[in-house]
All heavy atoms as atom14 arrays in JSON, in Angstrom:
{
  "sequence": "WLNLPGAPSDLLLREEALDRLCRAERRLPPGFGIVVIDGWRSRAF",
  "atom14_mask": [
    [1, 1, 1, 1, 1, 1, 1, 1, 1, 1, 1, 1, 1, 1],
    [1, 1, 1, 1, 1, 1, 1, 1, 0, 0, 0, 0, 0, 0],
    [1, 1, 1, 1, 1, 1, 1, 1, 0, 0, 0, 0, 0, 0],
    [1, 1, 1, 1, 1, 1, 1, 1, 0, 0, 0, 0, 0, 0],
    [1, 1, 1, 1, 1, 1, 1, 0, 0, 0, 0, 0, 0, 0],
    [1, 1, 1, 1, 0, 0, 0, 0, 0, 0, 0, 0, 0, 0],
    [1, 1, 1, 1, 1, 0, 0, 0, 0, 0, 0, 0, 0, 0],
    [1, 1, 1, 1, 1, 1, 1, 0, 0, 0, 0, 0, 0, 0],
    [1, 1, 1, 1, 1, 1, 0, 0, 0, 0, 0, 0, 0, 0],
    [1, 1, 1, 1, 1, 1, 1, 1, 0, 0, 0, 0, 0, 0],
    [1, 1, 1, 1, 1, 1, 1, 1, 0, 0, 0, 0, 0, 0],
    [1, 1, 1, 1, 1, 1, 1, 1, 0, 0, 0, 0, 0, 0],
    [1, 1, 1, 1, 1, 1, 1, 1, 0, 0, 0, 0, 0, 0],
    [1, 1, 1, 1, 1, 1, 1, 1, 1, 1, 1, 0, 0, 0],
    [1, 1, 1, 1, 1, 1, 1, 1, 1, 0, 0, 0, 0, 0],
    [1, 1, 1, 1, 1, 1, 1, 1, 1, 0, 0, 0, 0, 0],
    [1, 1, 1, 1, 1, 0, 0, 0, 0, 0, 0, 0, 0, 0],
    [1, 1, 1, 1, 1, 1, 1, 1, 0, 0, 0, 0, 0, 0],
    [1, 1, 1, 1, 1, 1, 1, 1, 0, 0, 0, 0, 0, 0],
    [1, 1, 1, 1, 1, 1, 1, 1, 1, 1, 1, 0, 0, 0],
    [1, 1, 1, 1, 1, 1, 1, 1, 0, 0, 0, 0, 0, 0],
    [1, 1, 1, 1, 1, 1, 0, 0, 0, 0, 0, 0, 0, 0],
    [1, 1, 1, 1, 1, 1, 1, 1, 1, 1, 1, 0, 0, 0],
    [1, 1, 1, 1, 1, 0, 0, 0, 0, 0, 0, 0, 0, 0],
    [1, 1, 1, 1, 1, 1, 1, 1, 1, 0, 0, 0, 0, 0],
    [1, 1, 1, 1, 1, 1, 1, 1, 1, 1, 1, 0, 0, 0],
    [1, 1, 1, 1, 1, 1, 1, 1, 1, 1, 1, 0, 0, 0],
    [1, 1, 1, 1, 1, 1, 1, 1, 0, 0, 0, 0, 0, 0],
    [1, 1, 1, 1, 1, 1, 1, 0, 0, 0, 0, 0, 0, 0],
    [1, 1, 1, 1, 1, 1, 1, 0, 0, 0, 0, 0, 0, 0],
    [1, 1, 1, 1, 0, 0, 0, 0, 0, 0, 0, 0, 0, 0],
    [1, 1, 1, 1, 1, 1, 1, 1, 1, 1, 1, 0, 0, 0],
    [1, 1, 1, 1, 0, 0, 0, 0, 0, 0, 0, 0, 0, 0],
    [1, 1, 1, 1, 1, 1, 1, 1, 0, 0, 0, 0, 0, 0],
    [1, 1, 1, 1, 1, 1, 1, 0, 0, 0, 0, 0, 0, 0],
    [1, 1, 1, 1, 1, 1, 1, 0, 0, 0, 0, 0, 0, 0],
    [1, 1, 1, 1, 1, 1, 1, 1, 0, 0, 0, 0, 0, 0],
    [1, 1, 1, 1, 1, 1, 1, 1, 0, 0, 0, 0, 0, 0],
    [1, 1, 1, 1, 0, 0, 0, 0, 0, 0, 0, 0, 0, 0],
    [1, 1, 1, 1, 1, 1, 1, 1, 1, 1, 1, 1, 1, 1],
    [1, 1, 1, 1, 1, 1, 1, 1, 1, 1, 1, 0, 0, 0],
    [1, 1, 1, 1, 1, 1, 0, 0, 0, 0, 0, 0, 0, 0],
    [1, 1, 1, 1, 1, 1, 1, 1, 1, 1, 1, 0, 0, 0],
    [1, 1, 1, 1, 1, 0, 0, 0, 0, 0, 0, 0, 0, 0],
    [1, 1, 1, 1, 1, 1, 1, 1, 1, 1, 1, 0, 0, 0]
  ],
  "atom14_positions": [
    [[4.16, -28.27, -2.32], [3.79, -29.63, -2.71], [4.75, -30.23, -3.7], [4.72, -31.44, -3.94], [2.37, -29.62, -3.31], [1.35, -29.01, -2.43], [1.4, -28.87, -1.06], [0.11, -28.41, -2.83], [0.27, -28.23, -0.59], [-0.55, -27.94, -1.65], [-0.53, -28.25, -4.05], [-1.79, -27.31, -1.68], [-1.75, -27.61, -4.08], [-2.38, -27.16, -2.91]],
    [[5.62, -29.42, -4.29], [6.62, -29.91, -5.23], [7.86, -30.44, -4.53], [8.77, -30.98, -5.18], [7.04, -28.8, -6.22], [5.95, -28.26, -7.14], [6.52, -27.14, -8.01], [5.38, -29.36, -8.01], [0.0, 0.0, 0.0], [0.0, 0.0, 0.0], [0.0, 0.0, 0.0], [0.0, 0.0, 0.0], [0.0, 0.0, 0.0], [0.0, 0.0, 0.0]],
    [[7.89, -30.29, -3.22], [9.03, -30.76, -2.41], [10.34, -30.1, -2.86], [11.41, -30.74, -2.81], [9.15, -32.29, -2.46], [7.96, -32.97, -1.81], [7.51, -32.55, -0.75], [7.46, -34.01, -2.44], [0.0, 0.0, 0.0], [0.0, 0.0, 0.0], [0.0, 0.0, 0.0], [0.0, 0.0, 0.0], [0.0, 0.0, 0.0], [0.0, 0.0, 0.0]],
    [[10.25, -28.85, -3.26], [11.47, -28.11, -3.58], [12.06, -27.58, -2.26], [11.36, -26.88, -1.51], [11.15, -26.95, -4.52], [10.61, -27.35, -5.89], [10.19, -26.11, -6.68], [11.64, -28.14, -6.67], [0.0, 0.0, 0.0], [0.0, 0.0, 0.0], [0.0, 0.0, 0.0], [0.0, 0.0, 0.0], [0.0, 0.0, 0.0], [0.0, 0.0, 0.0]],
    [[13.29, -27.92, -1.96], [13.83, -27.6, -0.64], [13.91, -26.11, -0.32], [13.86, -25.72, 0.85], [15.24, -28.22, -0.67], [15.55, -28.45, -2.1], [14.25, -28.69, -2.77], [0.0, 0.0, 0.0], [0.0, 0.0, 0.0], [0.0, 0.0, 0.0], [0.0, 0.0, 0.0], [0.0, 0.0, 0.0], [0.0, 0.0, 0.0], [0.0, 0.0, 0.0]],
    [[13.99, -25.24, -1.34], [14.11, -23.81, -1.07], [12.81, -23.06, -0.93], [12.81, -21.85, -0.69], [0.0, 0.0, 0.0], [0.0, 0.0, 0.0], [0.0, 0.0, 0.0], [0.0, 0.0, 0.0], [0.0, 0.0, 0.0], [0.0, 0.0, 0.0], [0.0, 0.0, 0.0], [0.0, 0.0, 0.0], [0.0, 0.0, 0.0], [0.0, 0.0, 0.0]],
    [[11.67, -23.77, -1.08], [10.39, -23.09, -1.02], [10.17, -22.47, 0.35], [10.42, -23.11, 1.38], [9.26, -24.07, -1.33], [0.0, 0.0, 0.0], [0.0, 0.0, 0.0], [0.0, 0.0, 0.0], [0.0, 0.0, 0.0], [0.0, 0.0, 0.0], [0.0, 0.0, 0.0], [0.0, 0.0, 0.0], [0.0, 0.0, 0.0], [0.0, 0.0, 0.0]],
    [[9.71, -21.21, 0.42], [9.46, -20.58, 1.72], [8.45, -21.36, 2.54], [7.49, -21.92, 2.01], [8.93, -19.19, 1.34], [9.41, -18.95, -0.05], [9.43, -20.31, -0.71], [0.0, 0.0, 0.0], [0.0, 0.0, 0.0], [0.0, 0.0, 0.0], [0.0, 0.0, 0.0], [0.0, 0.0, 0.0], [0.0, 0.0, 0.0], [0.0, 0.0, 0.0]],
    [[8.66, -21.38, 3.84], [7.72, -22.1, 4.72], [6.41, -21.34, 4.88], [5.37, -21.93, 5.17], [8.36, -22.31, 6.1], [8.76, -21.08, 6.67], [0.0, 0.0, 0.0], [0.0, 0.0, 0.0], [0.0, 0.0, 0.0], [0.0, 0.0, 0.0], [0.0, 0.0, 0.0], [0.0, 0.0, 0.0], [0.0, 0.0, 0.0], [0.0, 0.0, 0.0]],
    [[6.43, -20.02, 4.69], [5.22, -19.2, 4.73], [5.17, -18.34, 3.48], [6.2, -17.93, 2.94], [5.25, -18.24, 5.94], [4.7, -18.88, 7.2], [3.73, -19.67, 7.09], [5.23, -18.6, 8.28], [0.0, 0.0, 0.0], [0.0, 0.0, 0.0], [0.0, 0.0, 0.0], [0.0, 0.0, 0.0], [0.0, 0.0, 0.0], [0.0, 0.0, 0.0]],
    [[3.95, -18.06, 3.0], [3.78, -17.1, 1.92], [3.85, -15.69, 2.52], [3.09, -15.36, 3.43], [2.46, -17.3, 1.21], [2.29, -18.6, 0.41], [1.02, -18.55, -0.41], [3.46, -18.85, -0.49], [0.0, 0.0, 0.0], [0.0, 0.0, 0.0], [0.0, 0.0, 0.0], [0.0, 0.0, 0.0], [0.0, 0.0, 0.0], [0.0, 0.0, 0.0]],
    [[4.76, -14.87, 1.97], [5.0, -13.52, 2.47], [4.86, -12.51, 1.34], [5.2, -12.8, 0.19], [6.39, -13.41, 3.08], [6.77, -14.42, 4.18], [8.25, -14.3, 4.52], [5.92, -14.18, 5.43], [0.0, 0.0, 0.0], [0.0, 0.0, 0.0], [0.0, 0.0, 0.0], [0.0, 0.0, 0.0], [0.0, 0.0, 0.0], [0.0, 0.0, 0.0]],
    [[4.39, -11.32, 1.67], [4.34, -10.2, 0.74], [4.67, -8.92, 1.49], [4.5, -8.84, 2.71], [2.95, -10.06, 0.11], [2.55, -11.06, -0.98], [1.06, -10.87, -1.32], [3.41, -10.87, -2.22], [0.0, 0.0, 0.0], [0.0, 0.0, 0.0], [0.0, 0.0, 0.0], [0.0, 0.0, 0.0], [0.0, 0.0, 0.0], [0.0, 0.0, 0.0]],
    [[5.1, -7.92, 0.74], [5.27, -6.6, 1.35], [3.93, -6.17, 1.97], [2.87, -6.39, 1.42], [5.69, -5.58, 0.3], [7.03, -5.83, -0.34], [8.16, -5.19, 0.42], [9.4, -5.27, -0.4], [10.45, -4.47, -0.22], [10.45, -3.57, 0.74], [11.51, -4.6, -1.0], [0.0, 0.0, 0.0], [0.0, 0.0, 0.0], [0.0, 0.0, 0.0]],
    [[4.02, -5.52, 3.12], [2.81, -5.16, 3.84], [1.88, -4.29, 2.99], [0.66, -4.48, 2.97], [3.19, -4.4, 5.11], [2.03, -4.04, 6.01], [2.49, -3.44, 7.32], [3.38, -2.56, 7.28], [2.0, -3.86, 8.38], [0.0, 0.0, 0.0], [0.0, 0.0, 0.0], [0.0, 0.0, 0.0], [0.0, 0.0, 0.0], [0.0, 0.0, 0.0]],
    [[2.45, -3.32, 2.29], [1.65, -2.44, 1.45], [0.94, -3.21, 0.34], [-0.25, -2.97, 0.07], [2.55, -1.37, 0.85], [1.85, -0.33, 0.02], [2.81, 0.71, -0.54], [4.04, 0.45, -0.55], [2.34, 1.77, -0.98], [0.0, 0.0, 0.0], [0.0, 0.0, 0.0], [0.0, 0.0, 0.0], [0.0, 0.0, 0.0], [0.0, 0.0, 0.0]],
    [[1.65, -4.14, -0.29], [1.04, -4.95, -1.34], [-0.08, -5.83, -0.77], [-1.15, -6.0, -1.39], [2.09, -5.8, -2.04], [0.0, 0.0, 0.0], [0.0, 0.0, 0.0], [0.0, 0.0, 0.0], [0.0, 0.0, 0.0], [0.0, 0.0, 0.0], [0.0, 0.0, 0.0], [0.0, 0.0, 0.0], [0.0, 0.0, 0.0], [0.0, 0.0, 0.0]],
    [[0.16, -6.4, 0.4], [-0.85, -7.24, 1.04], [-2.09, -6.42, 1.4], [-3.23, -6.89, 1.21], [-0.25, -7.92, 2.28], [-1.17, -8.85, 3.06], [-1.77, -9.94, 2.18], [-0.42, -9.47, 4.24], [0.0, 0.0, 0.0], [0.0, 0.0, 0.0], [0.0, 0.0, 0.0], [0.0, 0.0, 0.0], [0.0, 0.0, 0.0], [0.0, 0.0, 0.0]],
    [[-1.89, -5.23, 1.92], [-3.02, -4.36, 2.21], [-3.87, -4.13, 0.96], [-5.1, -4.16, 1.01], [-2.54, -3.0, 2.74], [-2.0, -3.07, 4.16], [-2.25, -4.06, 4.86], [-1.31, -2.1, 4.56], [0.0, 0.0, 0.0], [0.0, 0.0, 0.0], [0.0, 0.0, 0.0], [0.0, 0.0, 0.0], [0.0, 0.0, 0.0], [0.0, 0.0, 0.0]],
    [[-3.19, -3.88, -0.15], [-3.89, -3.61, -1.39], [-4.64, -4.86, -1.89], [-5.76, -4.75, -2.44], [-2.93, -3.09, -2.45], [-2.44, -1.68, -2.17], [-1.34, -1.23, -3.11], [-0.9, 0.13, -2.82], [-1.46, 1.23, -3.32], [-2.47, 1.12, -4.17], [-1.02, 2.43, -2.99], [0.0, 0.0, 0.0], [0.0, 0.0, 0.0], [0.0, 0.0, 0.0]],
    [[-4.05, -6.03, -1.72], [-4.75, -7.26, -2.1], [-6.01, -7.46, -1.27], [-7.05, -7.88, -1.79], [-3.84, -8.47, -1.93], [-2.83, -8.78, -3.01], [-2.16, -10.11, -2.73], [-3.48, -8.81, -4.4], [0.0, 0.0, 0.0], [0.0, 0.0, 0.0], [0.0, 0.0, 0.0], [0.0, 0.0, 0.0], [0.0, 0.0, 0.0], [0.0, 0.0, 0.0]],
    [[-5.92, -7.14, 0.0], [-7.1, -7.28, 0.87], [-8.2, -6.32, 0.45], [-9.39, -6.67, 0.43], [-6.71, -7.03, 2.33], [-5.65, -8.31, 3.03], [0.0, 0.0, 0.0], [0.0, 0.0, 0.0], [0.0, 0.0, 0.0], [0.0, 0.0, 0.0], [0.0, 0.0, 0.0], [0.0, 0.0, 0.0], [0.0, 0.0, 0.0], [0.0, 0.0, 0.0]],
    [[-7.82, -5.12, 0.05], [-8.83, -4.16, -0.44], [-9.41, -4.65, -1.77], [-10.61, -4.47, -2.02], [-8.2, -2.78, -0.59], [-7.84, -2.13, 0.73], [-7.72, -0.61, 0.59], [-6.67, -0.2, -0.31], [-5.42, 0.07, 0.05], [-5.06, -0.05, 1.33], [-4.53, 0.47, -0.83], [0.0, 0.0, 0.0], [0.0, 0.0, 0.0], [0.0, 0.0, 0.0]],
    [[-8.55, -5.22, -2.62], [-9.05, -5.78, -3.89], [-10.08, -6.85, -3.64], [-11.11, -6.94, -4.32], [-7.88, -6.3, -4.71], [0.0, 0.0, 0.0], [0.0, 0.0, 0.0], [0.0, 0.0, 0.0], [0.0, 0.0, 0.0], [0.0, 0.0, 0.0], [0.0, 0.0, 0.0], [0.0, 0.0, 0.0], [0.0, 0.0, 0.0], [0.0, 0.0, 0.0]],
    [[-9.82, -7.72, -2.65], [-10.79, -8.79, -2.36], [-12.12, -8.2, -1.93], [-13.18, -8.74, -2.29], [-10.24, -9.71, -1.28], [-11.17, -10.88, -0.99], [-10.6, -11.87, 0.01], [-10.31, -11.44, 1.15], [-10.45, -13.05, -0.33], [0.0, 0.0, 0.0], [0.0, 0.0, 0.0], [0.0, 0.0, 0.0], [0.0, 0.0, 0.0], [0.0, 0.0, 0.0]],
    [[-12.1, -7.13, -1.18], [-13.35, -6.52, -0.73], [-14.14, -5.9, -1.89], [-15.34, -5.63, -1.74], [-13.07, -5.48, 0.36], [-12.55, -6.09, 1.66], [-12.64, -5.12, 2.81], [-11.67, -4.03, 2.71], [-10.43, -4.07, 3.2], [-10.01, -5.18, 3.81], [-9.63, -3.03, 3.08], [0.0, 0.0, 0.0], [0.0, 0.0, 0.0], [0.0, 0.0, 0.0]],
    [[-13.49, -5.66, -3.01], [-14.18, -5.13, -4.19], [-14.94, -6.21, -4.95], [-15.75, -5.9, -5.82], [-13.17, -4.48, -5.15], [-12.53, -3.19, -4.63], [-11.48, -2.69, -5.61], [-10.87, -1.45, -5.2], [-11.33, -0.24, -5.52], [-12.43, -0.14, -6.26], [-10.73, 0.86, -5.1], [0.0, 0.0, 0.0], [0.0, 0.0, 0.0], [0.0, 0.0, 0.0]],
    [[-14.66, -7.48, -4.68], [-15.27, -8.58, -5.44], [-16.75, -8.75, -5.09], [-17.18, -8.46, -3.97], [-14.53, -9.88, -5.14], [-13.11, -9.99, -5.69], [-12.41, -11.2, -5.07], [-13.13, -10.1, -7.22], [0.0, 0.0, 0.0], [0.0, 0.0, 0.0], [0.0, 0.0, 0.0], [0.0, 0.0, 0.0], [0.0, 0.0, 0.0], [0.0, 0.0, 0.0]],
    [[-17.54, -9.25, -6.04], [-18.94, -9.56, -5.73], [-19.02, -10.66, -4.68], [-18.09, -11.44, -4.47], [-19.48, -10.06, -7.08], [-18.52, -9.56, -8.11], [-17.18, -9.52, -7.43], [0.0, 0.0, 0.0], [0.0, 0.0, 0.0], [0.0, 0.0, 0.0], [0.0, 0.0, 0.0], [0.0, 0.0, 0.0], [0.0, 0.0, 0.0], [0.0, 0.0, 0.0]],
    [[-20.16, -10.76, -3.99], [-20.35, -11.83, -2.99], [-20.09, -13.2, -3.58], [-20.48, -13.5, -4.71], [-21.82, -11.66, -2.59], [-22.15, -10.24, -2.87], [-21.34, -9.88, -4.1], [0.0, 0.0, 0.0], [0.0, 0.0, 0.0], [0.0, 0.0, 0.0], [0.0, 0.0, 0.0], [0.0, 0.0, 0.0], [0.0, 0.0, 0.0], [0.0, 0.0, 0.0]],
    [[-19.44, -14.05, -2.79], [-19.13, -15.42, -3.23], [-17.73, -15.58, -3.75], [-17.2, -16.69, -3.81], [0.0, 0.0, 0.0], [0.0, 0.0, 0.0], [0.0, 0.0, 0.0], [0.0, 0.0, 0.0], [0.0, 0.0, 0.0], [0.0, 0.0, 0.0], [0.0, 0.0, 0.0], [0.0, 0.0, 0.0], [0.0, 0.0, 0.0], [0.0, 0.0, 0.0]],
    [[-17.1, -14.47, -4.18], [-15.75, -14.52, -4.72], [-14.7, -14.16, -3.67], [-15.0, -13.41, -2.72], [-15.59, -13.56, -5.91], [-16.29, -14.01, -7.16], [-17.53, -13.49, -7.5], [-15.7, -14.94, -8.0], [-18.17, -13.89, -8.66], [-16.33, -15.36, -9.15], [-17.57, -14.83, -9.49], [0.0, 0.0, 0.0], [0.0, 0.0, 0.0], [0.0, 0.0, 0.0]],
    [[-13.51, -14.68, -3.84], [-12.38, -14.33, -2.99], [-11.1, -14.35, -3.79], [-11.08, -14.74, -4.96], [0.0, 0.0, 0.0], [0.0, 0.0, 0.0], [0.0, 0.0, 0.0], [0.0, 0.0, 0.0], [0.0, 0.0, 0.0], [0.0, 0.0, 0.0], [0.0, 0.0, 0.0], [0.0, 0.0, 0.0], [0.0, 0.0, 0.0], [0.0, 0.0, 0.0]],
    [[-10.02, -13.93, -3.15], [-8.68, -14.0, -3.73], [-7.9, -15.08, -3.01], [-7.91, -15.17, -1.78], [-7.97, -12.65, -3.64], [-8.56, -11.68, -4.67], [-6.47, -12.79, -3.86], [-7.98, -10.29, -4.62], [0.0, 0.0, 0.0], [0.0, 0.0, 0.0], [0.0, 0.0, 0.0], [0.0, 0.0, 0.0], [0.0, 0.0, 0.0], [0.0, 0.0, 0.0]],
    [[-7.22, -15.92, -3.78], [-6.37, -16.97, -3.24], [-4.94, -16.72, -3.71], [-4.69, -16.6, -4.91], [-6.82, -18.36, -3.75], [-5.9, -19.45, -3.21], [-8.27, -18.64, -3.33], [0.0, 0.0, 0.0], [0.0, 0.0, 0.0], [0.0, 0.0, 0.0], [0.0, 0.0, 0.0], [0.0, 0.0, 0.0], [0.0, 0.0, 0.0], [0.0, 0.0, 0.0]],
    [[-4.02, -16.61, -2.76], [-2.61, -16.33, -3.1], [-1.84, -17.65, -3.16], [-1.89, -18.46, -2.24], [-1.99, -15.38, -2.06], [-0.53, -15.09, -2.42], [-2.77, -14.08, -1.98], [0.0, 0.0, 0.0], [0.0, 0.0, 0.0], [0.0, 0.0, 0.0], [0.0, 0.0, 0.0], [0.0, 0.0, 0.0], [0.0, 0.0, 0.0], [0.0, 0.0, 0.0]],
    [[-1.14, -17.82, -4.27], [-0.42, -19.07, -4.53], [1.06, -18.93, -4.21], [1.71, -19.86, -3.72], [-0.6, -19.49, -6.0], [-2.09, -19.69, -6.3], [0.19, -20.74, -6.33], [-2.4, -19.8, -7.78], [0.0, 0.0, 0.0], [0.0, 0.0, 0.0], [0.0, 0.0, 0.0], [0.0, 0.0, 0.0], [0.0, 0.0, 0.0], [0.0, 0.0, 0.0]],
    [[1.61, -17.74, -4.45], [3.03, -17.51, -4.19], [3.27, -16.04, -3.99], [2.53, -15.2, -4.52], [3.87, -18.03, -5.38], [5.36, -18.05, -5.06], [5.73, -18.36, -3.92], [6.16, -17.73, -5.96], [0.0, 0.0, 0.0], [0.0, 0.0, 0.0], [0.0, 0.0, 0.0], [0.0, 0.0, 0.0], [0.0, 0.0, 0.0], [0.0, 0.0, 0.0]],
    [[4.3, -15.72, -3.2], [4.66, -14.34, -2.94], [6.17, -14.16, -3.01], [6.79, -14.46, -4.04], [0.0, 0.0, 0.0], [0.0, 0.0, 0.0], [0.0, 0.0, 0.0], [0.0, 0.0, 0.0], [0.0, 0.0, 0.0], [0.0, 0.0, 0.0], [0.0, 0.0, 0.0], [0.0, 0.0, 0.0], [0.0, 0.0, 0.0], [0.0, 0.0, 0.0]],
    [[6.74, -13.71, -1.89], [8.19, -13.48, -1.86], [8.96, -14.79, -2.05], [8.56, -15.84, -1.56], [8.59, -12.88, -0.51], [10.09, -12.8, -0.34], [10.92, -11.86, -0.85], [10.91, -13.73, 0.37], [12.23, -12.13, -0.51], [12.25, -13.29, 0.24], [10.66, -14.9, 1.09], [13.32, -13.98, 0.82], [11.71, -15.57, 1.65], [13.04, -15.1, 1.51]],
    [[10.04, -14.7, -2.83], [10.99, -15.81, -2.99], [12.39, -15.29, -2.7], [12.72, -14.16, -3.05], [10.98, -16.34, -4.43], [9.68, -16.85, -4.94], [9.77, -17.15, -6.44], [8.47, -17.45, -7.0], [8.2, -17.42, -8.3], [9.15, -17.09, -9.17], [7.0, -17.7, -8.75], [0.0, 0.0, 0.0], [0.0, 0.0, 0.0], [0.0, 0.0, 0.0]],
    [[13.22, -16.12, -2.12], [14.64, -15.78, -2.07], [15.22, -15.94, -3.46], [14.66, -16.62, -4.33], [15.36, -16.73, -1.1], [15.38, -18.06, -1.62], [0.0, 0.0, 0.0], [0.0, 0.0, 0.0], [0.0, 0.0, 0.0], [0.0, 0.0, 0.0], [0.0, 0.0, 0.0], [0.0, 0.0, 0.0], [0.0, 0.0, 0.0], [0.0, 0.0, 0.0]],
    [[16.36, -15.3, -3.7], [17.01, -15.45, -5.0], [17.41, -16.92, -5.22], [17.34, -17.44, -6.34], [18.22, -14.54, -5.12], [18.81, -14.48, -6.53], [19.99, -13.54, -6.6], [19.59, -12.15, -6.53], [19.37, -11.39, -7.6], [19.52, -11.89, -8.82], [19.03, -10.13, -7.46], [0.0, 0.0, 0.0], [0.0, 0.0, 0.0], [0.0, 0.0, 0.0]],
    [[17.81, -17.59, -4.14], [18.19, -19.0, -4.26], [16.99, -19.84, -4.71], [17.14, -20.74, -5.55], [18.74, -19.52, -2.94], [0.0, 0.0, 0.0], [0.0, 0.0, 0.0], [0.0, 0.0, 0.0], [0.0, 0.0, 0.0], [0.0, 0.0, 0.0], [0.0, 0.0, 0.0], [0.0, 0.0, 0.0], [0.0, 0.0, 0.0], [0.0, 0.0, 0.0]],
    [[15.8, -19.55, -4.17], [14.63, -20.31, -4.59], [14.22, -19.95, -6.01], [13.76, -20.8, -6.77], [13.46, -20.09, -3.64], [12.24, -20.9, -4.02], [12.31, -22.28, -4.16], [11.04, -20.28, -4.27], [11.21, -23.03, -4.52], [9.91, -21.01, -4.62], [10.0, -22.39, -4.75], [0.0, 0.0, 0.0], [0.0, 0.0, 0.0], [0.0, 0.0, 0.0]]
  ]
}
């Protein structure tokens, strides 16, 4: 939304880290979730 030209078109994470985030979300009480705002960046970005 900042219109920065180098921003990744998709939010990406290492598969292992993403697996762990998904397990973390399942630990939350009902009604709660995890929202990911940013992940992998190129060095240029």
